[in-house]
Amino acid sequence: LGSNDIYSSVDVLSSRGIPFQDTPETYYDLLDERVAGHGEPNAELKQRKILVDGAPTDGQGLLLQIFTQNVIGPI
């Protein structure tokens, strides 16, 4: 599933009962160090359990992603 606005998409899915995997608090505590220059609002990422990957300072872009808990069972 792709989205131009992951924050709104997560809000809508959450409001419809889709459960997302938990992320440890330390992930967000260390995020600025791990993905320097990501430019995303840490509080909003943490609130929604959105993960960040990439290397924006190296010109490799940024990936925002989130994982659901099992919704339809193992495939």
PDB file of N, CA and C in Angstrom:
ATOM      1  N   LEU A   1       0.853  -1.172   0.000  1.00  0.00           N
ATOM      2  CA  LEU A   1       0.000   0.000   0.000  1.00  0.00           C
ATOM      3  C   LEU A   1       0.896   1.230   0.000  1.00  0.00           C
ATOM      4  N   GLY A   2       0.752   2.094  -0.958  1.00  0.00           N
ATOM      5  CA  GLY A   2       1.506   3.335  -1.019  1.00  0.00           C
ATOM      6  C   GLY A   2       0.632   4.508  -0.612  1.00  0.00           C
ATOM      7  N   SER A   3       1.282   5.583  -0.189  1.00  0.00           N
ATOM      8  CA  SER A   3       0.541   6.758   0.262  1.00  0.00           C
ATOM      9  C   SER A   3       1.385   8.008   0.059  1.00  0.00           C
ATOM     10  N   ASN A   4       0.730   9.087  -0.305  1.00  0.00           N
ATOM     11  CA  ASN A   4       1.409  10.378  -0.379  1.00  0.00           C
ATOM     12  C   ASN A   4       1.439  11.069   0.974  1.00  0.00           C
ATOM     13  N   ASP A   5       0.649  10.582   1.922  1.00  0.00           N
ATOM     14  CA  ASP A   5       0.583  11.161   3.269  1.00  0.00           C
ATOM     15  C   ASP A   5       0.408  10.026   4.277  1.00  0.00           C
ATOM     16  N   ILE A   6       1.515   9.450   4.708  1.00  0.00           N
ATOM     17  CA  ILE A   6       1.463   8.290   5.604  1.00  0.00           C
ATOM     18  C   ILE A   6       0.800   8.632   6.936  1.00  0.00           C
ATOM     19  N   TYR A   7       0.957   9.866   7.385  1.00  0.00           N
ATOM     20  CA  TYR A   7       0.369  10.261   8.667  1.00  0.00           C
ATOM     21  C   TYR A   7      -1.155  10.145   8.618  1.00  0.00           C
ATOM     22  N   SER A   8      -1.762  10.714   7.581  1.00  0.00           N
ATOM     23  CA  SER A   8      -3.225  10.635   7.436  1.00  0.00           C
ATOM     24  C   SER A   8      -3.677   9.205   7.182  1.00  0.00           C
ATOM     25  N   SER A   9      -2.917   8.475   6.388  1.00  0.00           N
ATOM     26  CA  SER A   9      -3.277   7.083   6.089  1.00  0.00           C
ATOM     27  C   SER A   9      -3.288   6.235   7.348  1.00  0.00           C
ATOM     28  N   VAL A  10      -2.282   6.402   8.192  1.00  0.00           N
ATOM     29  CA  VAL A  10      -2.220   5.646   9.446  1.00  0.00           C
ATOM     30  C   VAL A  10      -3.389   6.033  10.347  1.00  0.00           C
ATOM     31  N   ASP A  11      -3.711   7.316  10.394  1.00  0.00           N
ATOM     32  CA  ASP A  11      -4.845   7.765  11.210  1.00  0.00           C
ATOM     33  C   ASP A  11      -6.147   7.106  10.754  1.00  0.00           C
ATOM     34  N   VAL A  12      -6.370   7.071   9.443  1.00  0.00           N
ATOM     35  CA  VAL A  12      -7.598   6.474   8.910  1.00  0.00           C
ATOM     36  C   VAL A  12      -7.632   4.977   9.196  1.00  0.00           C
ATOM     37  N   LEU A  13      -6.531   4.282   8.934  1.00  0.00           N
ATOM     38  CA  LEU A  13      -6.494   2.839   9.181  1.00  0.00           C
ATOM     39  C   LEU A  13      -6.687   2.530  10.665  1.00  0.00           C
ATOM     40  N   SER A  14      -6.066   3.319  11.526  1.00  0.00           N
ATOM     41  CA  SER A  14      -6.231   3.123  12.976  1.00  0.00           C
ATOM     42  C   SER A  14      -7.681   3.320  13.393  1.00  0.00           C
ATOM     43  N   SER A  15      -8.323   4.341  12.829  1.00  0.00           N
ATOM     44  CA  SER A  15      -9.721   4.613  13.182  1.00  0.00           C
ATOM     45  C   SER A  15     -10.652   3.496  12.719  1.00  0.00           C
ATOM     46  N   ARG A  16     -10.181   2.701  11.768  1.00  0.00           N
ATOM     47  CA  ARG A  16     -10.978   1.573  11.262  1.00  0.00           C
ATOM     48  C   ARG A  16     -10.581   0.252  11.914  1.00  0.00           C
ATOM     49  N   GLY A  17      -9.762   0.349  12.963  1.00  0.00           N
ATOM     50  CA  GLY A  17      -9.453  -0.836  13.752  1.00  0.00           C
ATOM     51  C   GLY A  17      -8.255  -1.653  13.309  1.00  0.00           C
ATOM     52  N   ILE A  18      -7.457  -1.140  12.390  1.00  0.00           N
ATOM     53  CA  ILE A  18      -6.266  -1.879  11.956  1.00  0.00           C
ATOM     54  C   ILE A  18      -5.192  -1.747  13.034  1.00  0.00           C
ATOM     55  N   PRO A  19      -4.718  -2.863  13.588  1.00  0.00           N
ATOM     56  CA  PRO A  19      -3.681  -2.804  14.628  1.00  0.00           C
ATOM     57  C   PRO A  19      -2.275  -2.794  14.022  1.00  0.00           C
ATOM     58  N   PHE A  20      -1.426  -1.921  14.527  1.00  0.00           N
ATOM     59  CA  PHE A  20      -0.046  -1.828  14.051  1.00  0.00           C
ATOM     60  C   PHE A  20       0.911  -2.406  15.082  1.00  0.00           C
ATOM     61  N   GLN A  21       2.051  -2.875  14.599  1.00  0.00           N
ATOM     62  CA  GLN A  21       3.063  -3.416  15.500  1.00  0.00           C
ATOM     63  C   GLN A  21       3.612  -2.307  16.387  1.00  0.00           C
ATOM     64  N   ASP A  22       3.975  -2.688  17.601  1.00  0.00           N
ATOM     65  CA  ASP A  22       4.587  -1.735  18.525  1.00  0.00           C
ATOM     66  C   ASP A  22       6.043  -1.495  18.144  1.00  0.00           C
ATOM     67  N   THR A  23       6.531  -0.333  18.505  1.00  0.00           N
ATOM     68  CA  THR A  23       7.927   0.027  18.287  1.00  0.00           C
ATOM     69  C   THR A  23       8.484   0.509  19.618  1.00  0.00           C
ATOM     70  N   PRO A  24       9.650   0.020  20.024  1.00  0.00           N
ATOM     71  CA  PRO A  24      10.228   0.449  21.305  1.00  0.00           C
ATOM     72  C   PRO A  24      10.490   1.958  21.335  1.00  0.00           C
ATOM     73  N   GLU A  25      10.308   2.557  22.500  1.00  0.00           N
ATOM     74  CA  GLU A  25      10.539   4.002  22.681  1.00  0.00           C
ATOM     75  C   GLU A  25      11.954   4.394  22.259  1.00  0.00           C
ATOM     76  N   THR A  26      12.915   3.513  22.521  1.00  0.00           N
ATOM     77  CA  THR A  26      14.314   3.837  22.205  1.00  0.00           C
ATOM     78  C   THR A  26      14.532   4.035  20.712  1.00  0.00           C
ATOM     79  N   TYR A  27      13.690   3.432  19.875  1.00  0.00           N
ATOM     80  CA  TYR A  27      13.804   3.631  18.427  1.00  0.00           C
ATOM     81  C   TYR A  27      13.724   5.127  18.110  1.00  0.00           C
ATOM     82  N   TYR A  28      12.753   5.802  18.712  1.00  0.00           N
ATOM     83  CA  TYR A  28      12.548   7.225  18.438  1.00  0.00           C
ATOM     84  C   TYR A  28      13.563   8.091  19.176  1.00  0.00           C
ATOM     85  N   ASP A  29      14.027   7.631  20.330  1.00  0.00           N
ATOM     86  CA  ASP A  29      15.066   8.359  21.063  1.00  0.00           C
ATOM     87  C   ASP A  29      16.356   8.436  20.251  1.00  0.00           C
ATOM     88  N   LEU A  30      16.648   7.401  19.475  1.00  0.00           N
ATOM     89  CA  LEU A  30      17.896   7.320  18.712  1.00  0.00           C
ATOM     90  C   LEU A  30      17.728   7.672  17.234  1.00  0.00           C
ATOM     91  N   LEU A  31      16.514   8.026  16.831  1.00  0.00           N
ATOM     92  CA  LEU A  31      16.220   8.229  15.414  1.00  0.00           C
ATOM     93  C   LEU A  31      17.055   9.329  14.771  1.00  0.00           C
ATOM     94  N   ASP A  32      17.178  10.482  15.416  1.00  0.00           N
ATOM     95  CA  ASP A  32      17.935  11.591  14.824  1.00  0.00           C
ATOM     96  C   ASP A  32      19.396  11.218  14.602  1.00  0.00           C
ATOM     97  N   GLU A  33      19.925  10.390  15.478  1.00  0.00           N
ATOM     98  CA  GLU A  33      21.311   9.936  15.337  1.00  0.00           C
ATOM     99  C   GLU A  33      21.431   8.890  14.222  1.00  0.00           C
ATOM    100  N   ARG A  34      20.460   8.001  14.162  1.00  0.00           N
ATOM    101  CA  ARG A  34      20.512   6.899  13.200  1.00  0.00           C
ATOM    102  C   ARG A  34      20.211   7.348  11.771  1.00  0.00           C
ATOM    103  N   VAL A  35      19.249   8.260  11.610  1.00  0.00           N
ATOM    104  CA  VAL A  35      18.878   8.769  10.285  1.00  0.00           C
ATOM    105  C   VAL A  35      19.000  10.291  10.324  1.00  0.00           C
ATOM    106  N   ALA A  36      20.230  10.740  10.315  1.00  0.00           N
ATOM    107  CA  ALA A  36      20.503  12.183  10.416  1.00  0.00           C
ATOM    108  C   ALA A  36      19.855  12.940   9.257  1.00  0.00           C
ATOM    109  N   GLY A  37      19.240  14.078   9.588  1.00  0.00           N
ATOM    110  CA  GLY A  37      18.645  14.940   8.577  1.00  0.00           C
ATOM    111  C   GLY A  37      17.334  14.447   7.995  1.00  0.00           C
ATOM    112  N   HIS A  38      16.636  13.558   8.708  1.00  0.00           N
ATOM    113  CA  HIS A  38      15.387  13.013   8.156  1.00  0.00           C
ATOM    114  C   HIS A  38      14.291  14.065   8.056  1.00  0.00           C
ATOM    115  N   GLY A  39      14.264  15.050   8.941  1.00  0.00           N
ATOM    116  CA  GLY A  39      13.324  16.162   8.837  1.00  0.00           C
ATOM    117  C   GLY A  39      11.872  15.855   9.152  1.00  0.00           C
ATOM    118  N   GLU A  40      11.585  14.683   9.680  1.00  0.00           N
ATOM    119  CA  GLU A  40      10.208  14.323  10.031  1.00  0.00           C
ATOM    120  C   GLU A  40       9.959  14.639  11.507  1.00  0.00           C
ATOM    121  N   PRO A  41       8.718  14.958  11.867  1.00  0.00           N
ATOM    122  CA  PRO A  41       8.399  15.284  13.266  1.00  0.00           C
ATOM    123  C   PRO A  41       8.415  14.027  14.154  1.00  0.00           C
ATOM    124  N   ASN A  42       9.419  13.929  15.017  1.00  0.00           N
ATOM    125  CA  ASN A  42       9.585  12.741  15.863  1.00  0.00           C
ATOM    126  C   ASN A  42       8.345  12.412  16.682  1.00  0.00           C
ATOM    127  N   ALA A  43       7.694  13.415  17.237  1.00  0.00           N
ATOM    128  CA  ALA A  43       6.517  13.165  18.077  1.00  0.00           C
ATOM    129  C   ALA A  43       5.400  12.500  17.271  1.00  0.00           C
ATOM    130  N   GLU A  44       5.199  12.944  16.037  1.00  0.00           N
ATOM    131  CA  GLU A  44       4.148  12.353  15.204  1.00  0.00           C
ATOM    132  C   GLU A  44       4.527  10.953  14.747  1.00  0.00           C
ATOM    133  N   LEU A  45       5.797  10.744  14.437  1.00  0.00           N
ATOM    134  CA  LEU A  45       6.263   9.403  14.082  1.00  0.00           C
ATOM    135  C   LEU A  45       6.021   8.443  15.240  1.00  0.00           C
ATOM    136  N   LYS A  46       6.420   8.870  16.426  1.00  0.00           N
ATOM    137  CA  LYS A  46       6.293   8.034  17.625  1.00  0.00           C
ATOM    138  C   LYS A  46       4.826   7.751  17.952  1.00  0.00           C
ATOM    139  N   GLN A  47       3.994   8.767  17.867  1.00  0.00           N
ATOM    140  CA  GLN A  47       2.566   8.611  18.170  1.00  0.00           C
ATOM    141  C   GLN A  47       1.928   7.558  17.267  1.00  0.00           C
ATOM    142  N   ARG A  48       2.344   7.522  16.009  1.00  0.00           N
ATOM    143  CA  ARG A  48       1.724   6.617  15.036  1.00  0.00           C
ATOM    144  C   ARG A  48       2.525   5.333  14.804  1.00  0.00           C
ATOM    145  N   LYS A  49       3.699   5.225  15.418  1.00  0.00           N
ATOM    146  CA  LYS A  49       4.579   4.044  15.276  1.00  0.00           C
ATOM    147  C   LYS A  49       5.138   3.909  13.866  1.00  0.00           C
ATOM    148  N   ILE A  50       5.355   5.045  13.201  1.00  0.00           N
ATOM    149  CA  ILE A  50       5.910   5.052  11.851  1.00  0.00           C
ATOM    150  C   ILE A  50       7.428   4.923  11.950  1.00  0.00           C
ATOM    151  N   LEU A  51       7.986   4.087  11.086  1.00  0.00           N
ATOM    152  CA  LEU A  51       9.424   3.852  11.056  1.00  0.00           C
ATOM    153  C   LEU A  51      10.062   4.661   9.932  1.00  0.00           C
ATOM    154  N   VAL A  52      11.334   5.007  10.116  1.00  0.00           N
ATOM    155  CA  VAL A  52      12.068   5.804   9.138  1.00  0.00           C
ATOM    156  C   VAL A  52      13.337   5.060   8.754  1.00  0.00           C
ATOM    157  N   ASP A  53      13.624   5.041   7.457  1.00  0.00           N
ATOM    158  CA  ASP A  53      14.860   4.436   6.984  1.00  0.00           C
ATOM    159  C   ASP A  53      15.377   5.263   5.817  1.00  0.00           C
ATOM    160  N   GLY A  54      16.641   5.118   5.530  1.00  0.00           N
ATOM    161  CA  GLY A  54      17.237   5.830   4.416  1.00  0.00           C
ATOM    162  C   GLY A  54      18.465   6.597   4.846  1.00  0.00           C
ATOM    163  N   ALA A  55      18.972   7.385   3.923  1.00  0.00           N
ATOM    164  CA  ALA A  55      20.161   8.198   4.175  1.00  0.00           C
ATOM    165  C   ALA A  55      20.020   9.516   3.428  1.00  0.00           C
ATOM    166  N   PRO A  56      19.119  10.383   3.895  1.00  0.00           N
ATOM    167  CA  PRO A  56      18.865  11.625   3.164  1.00  0.00           C
ATOM    168  C   PRO A  56      20.089  12.513   3.021  1.00  0.00           C
ATOM    169  N   THR A  57      21.009  12.468   3.977  1.00  0.00           N
ATOM    170  CA  THR A  57      22.203  13.314   3.874  1.00  0.00           C
ATOM    171  C   THR A  57      23.169  12.789   2.823  1.00  0.00           C
ATOM    172  N   ASP A  58      23.016  11.518   2.419  1.00  0.00           N
ATOM    173  CA  ASP A  58      23.854  10.936   1.371  1.00  0.00           C
ATOM    174  C   ASP A  58      23.133  10.916   0.028  1.00  0.00           C
ATOM    175  N   GLY A  59      21.983  11.592  -0.059  1.00  0.00           N
ATOM    176  CA  GLY A  59      21.223  11.660  -1.289  1.00  0.00           C
ATOM    177  C   GLY A  59      20.477  10.387  -1.641  1.00  0.00           C
ATOM    178  N   GLN A  60      20.294   9.504  -0.685  1.00  0.00           N
ATOM    179  CA  GLN A  60      19.632   8.228  -0.951  1.00  0.00           C
ATOM    180  C   GLN A  60      18.140   8.256  -0.642  1.00  0.00           C
ATOM    181  N   GLY A  61      17.616   9.375  -0.223  1.00  0.00           N
ATOM    182  CA  GLY A  61      16.188   9.469   0.033  1.00  0.00           C
ATOM    183  C   GLY A  61      15.780   8.939   1.392  1.00  0.00           C
ATOM    184  N   LEU A  62      14.480   8.886   1.581  1.00  0.00           N
ATOM    185  CA  LEU A  62      13.904   8.547   2.875  1.00  0.00           C
ATOM    186  C   LEU A  62      12.707   7.628   2.662  1.00  0.00           C
ATOM    187  N   LEU A  63      12.578   6.626   3.525  1.00  0.00           N
ATOM    188  CA  LEU A  63      11.457   5.698   3.481  1.00  0.00           C
ATOM    189  C   LEU A  63      10.722   5.770   4.806  1.00  0.00           C
ATOM    190  N   LEU A  64       9.428   6.088   4.751  1.00  0.00           N
ATOM    191  CA  LEU A  64       8.567   6.042   5.930  1.00  0.00           C
ATOM    192  C   LEU A  64       7.696   4.809   5.776  1.00  0.00           C
ATOM    193  N   GLN A  65       7.637   3.982   6.826  1.00  0.00           N
ATOM    194  CA  GLN A  65       6.866   2.745   6.728  1.00  0.00           C
ATOM    195  C   GLN A  65       6.287   2.345   8.074  1.00  0.00           C
ATOM    196  N   ILE A  66       5.294   1.481   8.014  1.00  0.00           N
ATOM    197  CA  ILE A  66       4.659   0.967   9.220  1.00  0.00           C
ATOM    198  C   ILE A  66       4.202  -0.455   8.922  1.00  0.00           C
ATOM    199  N   PHE A  67       4.156  -1.277   9.950  1.00  0.00           N
ATOM    200  CA  PHE A  67       3.771  -2.671   9.782  1.00  0.00           C
ATOM    201  C   PHE A  67       2.554  -2.976  10.642  1.00  0.00           C
ATOM    202  N   THR A  68       1.602  -3.689  10.055  1.00  0.00           N
ATOM    203  CA  THR A  68       0.420  -4.097  10.809  1.00  0.00           C
ATOM    204  C   THR A  68       0.708  -5.383  11.569  1.00  0.00           C
ATOM    205  N   GLN A  69      -0.086  -5.608  12.588  1.00  0.00           N
ATOM    206  CA  GLN A  69      -0.104  -6.919  13.212  1.00  0.00           C
ATOM    207  C   GLN A  69      -0.817  -7.847  12.225  1.00  0.00           C
ATOM    208  N   ASN A  70      -0.828  -9.144  12.495  1.00  0.00           N
ATOM    209  CA  ASN A  70      -1.546 -10.065  11.605  1.00  0.00           C
ATOM    210  C   ASN A  70      -3.007  -9.646  11.519  1.00  0.00           C
ATOM    211  N   VAL A  71      -3.438  -9.337  10.311  1.00  0.00           N
ATOM    212  CA  VAL A  71      -4.813  -8.908  10.101  1.00  0.00           C
ATOM    213  C   VAL A  71      -5.632 -10.039   9.479  1.00  0.00           C
ATOM    214  N   ILE A  72      -5.034 -10.751   8.518  1.00  0.00           N
ATOM    215  CA  ILE A  72      -5.752 -11.844   7.861  1.00  0.00           C
ATOM    216  C   ILE A  72      -5.105 -13.193   8.158  1.00  0.00           C
ATOM    217  N   GLY A  73      -4.131 -13.199   9.046  1.00  0.00           N
ATOM    218  CA  GLY A  73      -3.457 -14.442   9.406  1.00  0.00           C
ATOM    219  C   GLY A  73      -2.229 -14.663   8.554  1.00  0.00           C
ATOM    220  N   PRO A  74      -1.443 -15.651   8.904  1.00  0.00           N
ATOM    221  CA  PRO A  74      -0.243 -15.941   8.118  1.00  0.00           C
ATOM    222  C   PRO A  74      -0.620 -16.363   6.702  1.00  0.00           C
ATOM    223  N   ILE A  75       0.208 -15.974   5.779  1.00  0.00           N
ATOM    224  CA  ILE A  75      -0.038 -16.332   4.371  1.00  0.00           C
ATOM    225  C   ILE A  75       1.068 -17.264   3.917  1.00  0.00           C
TER     226      ILE A  75
END
